[in-house]
Amino acid sequence: MKRAFDFWLALAASVLLLVPIVMVALLVRLTSKGPAIYWSDRVGRHNAIFRMPKFRTMRIDTPAVATHLLSNPQQFLTPIGAFLRKSSLDELPQLWSILKGDMSFVGPRPALFNQDDLISLRTSYGVDNIRPGLTGWAQINGRDELPIPQKVELDVEYMQRQSFGLDLRIIFLTFWKVFRRDGITH
């Protein structure tokens, strides 16, 4: 049932958001060199690597590491990168990953392929057995501000409590957090 819900909601959202998606893509292209979409290798269900799209918020010469590992991430932001991140508009292309089945609307955020500490900890608790999400329990309980062990604790809690009702609650709270810009560091 979760997969069907994800597919139909992603399809409806893609249609409803088509104009804003095209507008953001054009703005990215007009304000910086390079493609509008950045594809990153992410860790999915059962630790399988998949390509996840986001609107590009960083310059094309940015090292391929988690943003928090950059000494000065602001120096790599495109002119509209900070706005896209704060508004979470950079996440819109991930509707493709949901349609494709690589992601769900709700689940642990997919780790970068080189976040070995996060991947290892999630695997040790079995979190790798669930599909990663556009948003998740850790996202609404701290987002970028959480240390990795705490993120994984929240991922485990979500895994143990998964339900359609909890997913709807997380989706609603995500919209609220994005609107209030809670827990966004970059």
C-alpha atoms as a PDB file:
ATOM      1  CA  MET A   1       0.000   0.000   0.000  1.00  0.00           C
ATOM      2  CA  LYS A   2       2.869   2.410   0.826  1.00  0.00           C
ATOM      3  CA  ARG A   3       4.411   2.019  -2.631  1.00  0.00           C
ATOM      4  CA  ALA A   4       1.073   2.696  -4.358  1.00  0.00           C
ATOM      5  CA  PHE A   5       0.490   5.769  -2.174  1.00  0.00           C
ATOM      6  CA  ASP A   6       4.007   7.037  -2.953  1.00  0.00           C
ATOM      7  CA  PHE A   7       3.586   6.509  -6.691  1.00  0.00           C
ATOM      8  CA  TRP A   8       0.195   8.219  -7.022  1.00  0.00           C
ATOM      9  CA  LEU A   9       1.098  11.097  -4.710  1.00  0.00           C
ATOM     10  CA  ALA A  10       4.393  11.663  -6.594  1.00  0.00           C
ATOM     11  CA  LEU A  11       2.570  11.571  -9.919  1.00  0.00           C
ATOM     12  CA  ALA A  12      -0.041  14.085  -8.718  1.00  0.00           C
ATOM     13  CA  ALA A  13       2.634  16.330  -7.180  1.00  0.00           C
ATOM     14  CA  SER A  14       4.680  16.204 -10.395  1.00  0.00           C
ATOM     15  CA  VAL A  15       1.702  17.372 -12.428  1.00  0.00           C
ATOM     16  CA  LEU A  16       0.689  20.069  -9.925  1.00  0.00           C
ATOM     17  CA  LEU A  17       4.237  21.332  -9.520  1.00  0.00           C
ATOM     18  CA  LEU A  18       5.287  21.132 -13.165  1.00  0.00           C
ATOM     19  CA  VAL A  19       5.346  24.914 -13.676  1.00  0.00           C
ATOM     20  CA  PRO A  20       7.378  25.646 -10.494  1.00  0.00           C
ATOM     21  CA  ILE A  21       9.768  22.794 -11.373  1.00  0.00           C
ATOM     22  CA  VAL A  22      10.385  24.252 -14.839  1.00  0.00           C
ATOM     23  CA  MET A  23      10.779  27.763 -13.383  1.00  0.00           C
ATOM     24  CA  VAL A  24      13.343  26.617 -10.797  1.00  0.00           C
ATOM     25  CA  ALA A  25      15.255  24.696 -13.477  1.00  0.00           C
ATOM     26  CA  LEU A  26      15.409  27.829 -15.632  1.00  0.00           C
ATOM     27  CA  LEU A  27      16.535  29.982 -12.687  1.00  0.00           C
ATOM     28  CA  VAL A  28      19.337  27.545 -11.848  1.00  0.00           C
ATOM     29  CA  ARG A  29      20.536  27.564 -15.466  1.00  0.00           C
ATOM     30  CA  LEU A  30      20.316  31.351 -15.782  1.00  0.00           C
ATOM     31  CA  THR A  31      22.200  32.093 -12.545  1.00  0.00           C
ATOM     32  CA  SER A  32      25.099  29.626 -12.738  1.00  0.00           C
ATOM     33  CA  LYS A  33      27.160  27.486 -15.095  1.00  0.00           C
ATOM     34  CA  GLY A  34      26.278  23.828 -15.431  1.00  0.00           C
ATOM     35  CA  PRO A  35      23.160  21.688 -15.541  1.00  0.00           C
ATOM     36  CA  ALA A  36      20.026  22.505 -13.535  1.00  0.00           C
ATOM     37  CA  ILE A  37      19.954  19.033 -11.989  1.00  0.00           C
ATOM     38  CA  TYR A  38      22.722  17.514  -9.900  1.00  0.00           C
ATOM     39  CA  TRP A  39      22.722  13.727  -9.723  1.00  0.00           C
ATOM     40  CA  SER A  40      24.398  12.266  -6.663  1.00  0.00           C
ATOM     41  CA  ASP A  41      25.137   8.664  -5.809  1.00  0.00           C
ATOM     42  CA  ARG A  42      23.030   7.762  -2.777  1.00  0.00           C
ATOM     43  CA  VAL A  43      22.551   4.678  -0.663  1.00  0.00           C
ATOM     44  CA  GLY A  44      19.113   3.160  -0.982  1.00  0.00           C
ATOM     45  CA  ARG A  45      17.290   0.131   0.296  1.00  0.00           C
ATOM     46  CA  HIS A  46      19.613  -2.795   1.120  1.00  0.00           C
ATOM     47  CA  ASN A  47      22.533  -0.374   0.643  1.00  0.00           C
ATOM     48  CA  ALA A  48      22.079  -0.372  -3.145  1.00  0.00           C
ATOM     49  CA  ILE A  49      23.483   2.730  -4.817  1.00  0.00           C
ATOM     50  CA  PHE A  50      21.075   4.819  -6.878  1.00  0.00           C
ATOM     51  CA  ARG A  51      21.314   8.202  -8.612  1.00  0.00           C
ATOM     52  CA  MET A  52      19.254  10.865  -6.818  1.00  0.00           C
ATOM     53  CA  PRO A  53      18.420  14.169  -8.545  1.00  0.00           C
ATOM     54  CA  LYS A  54      18.304  17.571  -6.863  1.00  0.00           C
ATOM     55  CA  PHE A  55      18.289  21.049  -8.259  1.00  0.00           C
ATOM     56  CA  ARG A  56      21.900  22.194  -8.228  1.00  0.00           C
ATOM     57  CA  THR A  57      22.572  24.619  -5.373  1.00  0.00           C
ATOM     58  CA  MET A  58      26.369  24.437  -5.450  1.00  0.00           C
ATOM     59  CA  ARG A  59      28.884  25.439  -8.099  1.00  0.00           C
ATOM     60  CA  ILE A  60      30.037  22.687 -10.446  1.00  0.00           C
ATOM     61  CA  ASP A  61      33.556  22.675  -8.905  1.00  0.00           C
ATOM     62  CA  THR A  62      32.276  21.727  -5.416  1.00  0.00           C
ATOM     63  CA  PRO A  63      33.847  18.559  -3.927  1.00  0.00           C
ATOM     64  CA  ALA A  64      31.443  15.576  -3.795  1.00  0.00           C
ATOM     65  CA  VAL A  65      31.155  15.351  -0.007  1.00  0.00           C
ATOM     66  CA  ALA A  66      28.408  16.058   2.511  1.00  0.00           C
ATOM     67  CA  THR A  67      27.938  19.809   2.888  1.00  0.00           C
ATOM     68  CA  HIS A  68      28.833  19.725   6.588  1.00  0.00           C
ATOM     69  CA  LEU A  69      32.298  18.391   5.653  1.00  0.00           C
ATOM     70  CA  LEU A  70      33.155  21.467   3.581  1.00  0.00           C
ATOM     71  CA  SER A  71      35.198  24.043   5.513  1.00  0.00           C
ATOM     72  CA  ASN A  72      33.162  26.925   4.086  1.00  0.00           C
ATOM     73  CA  PRO A  73      30.081  25.632   2.224  1.00  0.00           C
ATOM     74  CA  GLN A  74      28.750  29.141   1.542  1.00  0.00           C
ATOM     75  CA  GLN A  75      31.641  29.818  -0.836  1.00  0.00           C
ATOM     76  CA  PHE A  76      30.319  27.070  -3.127  1.00  0.00           C
ATOM     77  CA  LEU A  77      26.648  28.142  -3.196  1.00  0.00           C
ATOM     78  CA  THR A  78      25.167  29.383  -6.455  1.00  0.00           C
ATOM     79  CA  PRO A  79      23.408  32.775  -6.414  1.00  0.00           C
ATOM     80  CA  ILE A  80      20.060  31.102  -5.694  1.00  0.00           C
ATOM     81  CA  GLY A  81      21.457  28.043  -3.876  1.00  0.00           C
ATOM     82  CA  ALA A  82      20.784  29.282  -0.344  1.00  0.00           C
ATOM     83  CA  PHE A  83      17.177  30.139  -1.225  1.00  0.00           C
ATOM     84  CA  LEU A  84      16.585  26.753  -2.868  1.00  0.00           C
ATOM     85  CA  ARG A  85      17.937  24.937   0.181  1.00  0.00           C
ATOM     86  CA  LYS A  86      16.065  27.021   2.747  1.00  0.00           C
ATOM     87  CA  SER A  87      12.812  26.622   0.830  1.00  0.00           C
ATOM     88  CA  SER A  88      13.571  22.916   0.095  1.00  0.00           C
ATOM     89  CA  LEU A  89      12.772  23.573  -3.579  1.00  0.00           C
ATOM     90  CA  ASP A  90      16.045  21.830  -4.434  1.00  0.00           C
ATOM     91  CA  GLU A  91      14.349  18.562  -3.414  1.00  0.00           C
ATOM     92  CA  LEU A  92      11.573  18.687  -6.054  1.00  0.00           C
ATOM     93  CA  PRO A  93      13.408  16.505  -8.626  1.00  0.00           C
ATOM     94  CA  GLN A  94      13.341  13.675  -6.089  1.00  0.00           C
ATOM     95  CA  LEU A  95       9.742  13.102  -7.125  1.00  0.00           C
ATOM     96  CA  TRP A  96      11.411  11.208 -10.008  1.00  0.00           C
ATOM     97  CA  SER A  97      13.160   8.903  -7.522  1.00  0.00           C
ATOM     98  CA  ILE A  98       9.837   8.255  -5.790  1.00  0.00           C
ATOM     99  CA  LEU A  99       8.091   7.475  -9.092  1.00  0.00           C
ATOM    100  CA  LYS A 100      10.940   5.154 -10.030  1.00  0.00           C
ATOM    101  CA  GLY A 101      10.784   3.333  -6.694  1.00  0.00           C
ATOM    102  CA  ASP A 102      14.250   4.258  -5.403  1.00  0.00           C
ATOM    103  CA  MET A 103      12.713   6.430  -2.693  1.00  0.00           C
ATOM    104  CA  SER A 104       9.532   6.844  -0.695  1.00  0.00           C
ATOM    105  CA  PHE A 105       7.919  10.041   0.548  1.00  0.00           C
ATOM    106  CA  VAL A 106       8.786   9.045   4.121  1.00  0.00           C
ATOM    107  CA  GLY A 107      11.847   7.139   5.298  1.00  0.00           C
ATOM    108  CA  PRO A 108      15.411   7.854   6.374  1.00  0.00           C
ATOM    109  CA  ARG A 109      17.103  10.440   4.137  1.00  0.00           C
ATOM    110  CA  PRO A 110      19.366   8.630   1.648  1.00  0.00           C
ATOM    111  CA  ALA A 111      23.019   8.802   2.656  1.00  0.00           C
ATOM    112  CA  LEU A 112      25.725   9.897   0.269  1.00  0.00           C
ATOM    113  CA  PHE A 113      27.713   6.923  -1.023  1.00  0.00           C
ATOM    114  CA  ASN A 114      30.763   8.058   0.994  1.00  0.00           C
ATOM    115  CA  GLN A 115      29.066   8.583   4.391  1.00  0.00           C
ATOM    116  CA  ASP A 116      30.531   5.342   5.708  1.00  0.00           C
ATOM    117  CA  ASP A 117      29.792   6.094   9.381  1.00  0.00           C
ATOM    118  CA  LEU A 118      26.078   6.722   8.711  1.00  0.00           C
ATOM    119  CA  ILE A 119      25.743   3.739   6.361  1.00  0.00           C
ATOM    120  CA  SER A 120      27.476   1.393   8.810  1.00  0.00           C
ATOM    121  CA  LEU A 121      25.383   2.481  11.778  1.00  0.00           C
ATOM    122  CA  ARG A 122      22.120   2.221   9.832  1.00  0.00           C
ATOM    123  CA  THR A 123      23.091  -1.227   8.566  1.00  0.00           C
ATOM    124  CA  SER A 124      23.881  -2.458  12.077  1.00  0.00           C
ATOM    125  CA  TYR A 125      20.315  -1.576  13.150  1.00  0.00           C
ATOM    126  CA  GLY A 126      18.602  -2.853   9.991  1.00  0.00           C
ATOM    127  CA  VAL A 127      17.541   0.612   8.808  1.00  0.00           C
ATOM    128  CA  ASP A 128      18.972  -0.266   5.385  1.00  0.00           C
ATOM    129  CA  ASN A 129      15.990  -2.599   4.921  1.00  0.00           C
ATOM    130  CA  ILE A 130      13.570   0.285   4.433  1.00  0.00           C
ATOM    131  CA  ARG A 131      13.317   2.574   1.427  1.00  0.00           C
ATOM    132  CA  PRO A 132      14.883   6.025   1.974  1.00  0.00           C
ATOM    133  CA  GLY A 133      12.571   9.002   1.944  1.00  0.00           C
ATOM    134  CA  LEU A 134      12.147  12.549   0.739  1.00  0.00           C
ATOM    135  CA  THR A 135      11.460  13.330   4.391  1.00  0.00           C
ATOM    136  CA  GLY A 136      11.612  11.343   7.574  1.00  0.00           C
ATOM    137  CA  TRP A 137      11.296  11.210  11.331  1.00  0.00           C
ATOM    138  CA  ALA A 138      14.845  12.558  11.772  1.00  0.00           C
ATOM    139  CA  GLN A 139      14.073  15.367   9.300  1.00  0.00           C
ATOM    140  CA  ILE A 140      11.253  16.728  11.418  1.00  0.00           C
ATOM    141  CA  ASN A 141      13.151  16.211  14.660  1.00  0.00           C
ATOM    142  CA  GLY A 142      16.267  18.229  13.902  1.00  0.00           C
ATOM    143  CA  ARG A 143      17.193  17.873  10.240  1.00  0.00           C
ATOM    144  CA  ASP A 144      20.750  19.135   9.585  1.00  0.00           C
ATOM    145  CA  GLU A 145      21.381  19.890  13.254  1.00  0.00           C
ATOM    146  CA  LEU A 146      21.432  16.248  14.436  1.00  0.00           C
ATOM    147  CA  PRO A 147      24.615  14.239  14.963  1.00  0.00           C
ATOM    148  CA  ILE A 148      24.703  10.921  13.076  1.00  0.00           C
ATOM    149  CA  PRO A 149      24.026   8.633  16.091  1.00  0.00           C
ATOM    150  CA  GLN A 150      20.914  10.640  16.949  1.00  0.00           C
ATOM    151  CA  LYS A 151      19.703  10.554  13.322  1.00  0.00           C
ATOM    152  CA  VAL A 152      20.072   6.782  13.323  1.00  0.00           C
ATOM    153  CA  GLU A 153      18.183   6.497  16.649  1.00  0.00           C
ATOM    154  CA  LEU A 154      15.306   8.396  15.050  1.00  0.00           C
ATOM    155  CA  ASP A 155      15.545   6.239  11.896  1.00  0.00           C
ATOM    156  CA  VAL A 156      15.281   3.118  14.081  1.00  0.00           C
ATOM    157  CA  GLU A 157      12.309   4.595  15.935  1.00  0.00           C
ATOM    158  CA  TYR A 158      10.599   5.295  12.606  1.00  0.00           C
ATOM    159  CA  MET A 159      11.360   1.777  11.370  1.00  0.00           C
ATOM    160  CA  GLN A 160       9.765   0.287  14.494  1.00  0.00           C
ATOM    161  CA  ARG A 161       6.693   2.564  14.429  1.00  0.00           C
ATOM    162  CA  GLN A 162       6.030   2.695  10.655  1.00  0.00           C
ATOM    163  CA  SER A 163       2.403   3.211   9.740  1.00  0.00           C
ATOM    164  CA  PHE A 164       0.323   5.092   7.209  1.00  0.00           C
ATOM    165  CA  GLY A 165      -0.821   7.472   9.950  1.00  0.00           C
ATOM    166  CA  LEU A 166       2.748   8.217  11.048  1.00  0.00           C
ATOM    167  CA  ASP A 167       3.748   8.839   7.421  1.00  0.00           C
ATOM    168  CA  LEU A 168       0.895  11.331   6.995  1.00  0.00           C
ATOM    169  CA  ARG A 169       1.912  13.061  10.240  1.00  0.00           C
ATOM    170  CA  ILE A 170       5.545  13.304   9.059  1.00  0.00           C
ATOM    171  CA  ILE A 171       4.479  14.709   5.670  1.00  0.00           C
ATOM    172  CA  PHE A 172       2.298  17.343   7.366  1.00  0.00           C
ATOM    173  CA  LEU A 173       5.032  18.267   9.873  1.00  0.00           C
ATOM    174  CA  THR A 174       7.580  18.482   7.039  1.00  0.00           C
ATOM    175  CA  PHE A 175       5.493  21.127   5.295  1.00  0.00           C
ATOM    176  CA  TRP A 176       5.215  22.993   8.592  1.00  0.00           C
ATOM    177  CA  LYS A 177       8.986  22.797   9.258  1.00  0.00           C
ATOM    178  CA  VAL A 178       9.848  23.904   5.723  1.00  0.00           C
ATOM    179  CA  PHE A 179       7.414  26.798   5.995  1.00  0.00           C
ATOM    180  CA  ARG A 180       9.021  27.845   9.297  1.00  0.00           C
ATOM    181  CA  ARG A 181      12.555  26.976   8.025  1.00  0.00           C
ATOM    182  CA  ASP A 182      13.259  24.950  11.162  1.00  0.00           C
ATOM    183  CA  GLY A 183      16.507  23.000  11.377  1.00  0.00           C
ATOM    184  CA  ILE A 184      18.015  24.229   8.112  1.00  0.00           C
ATOM    185  CA  THR A 185      21.687  25.143   8.456  1.00  0.00           C
ATOM    186  CA  HIS A 186      22.630  25.842   4.807  1.00  0.00           C
END
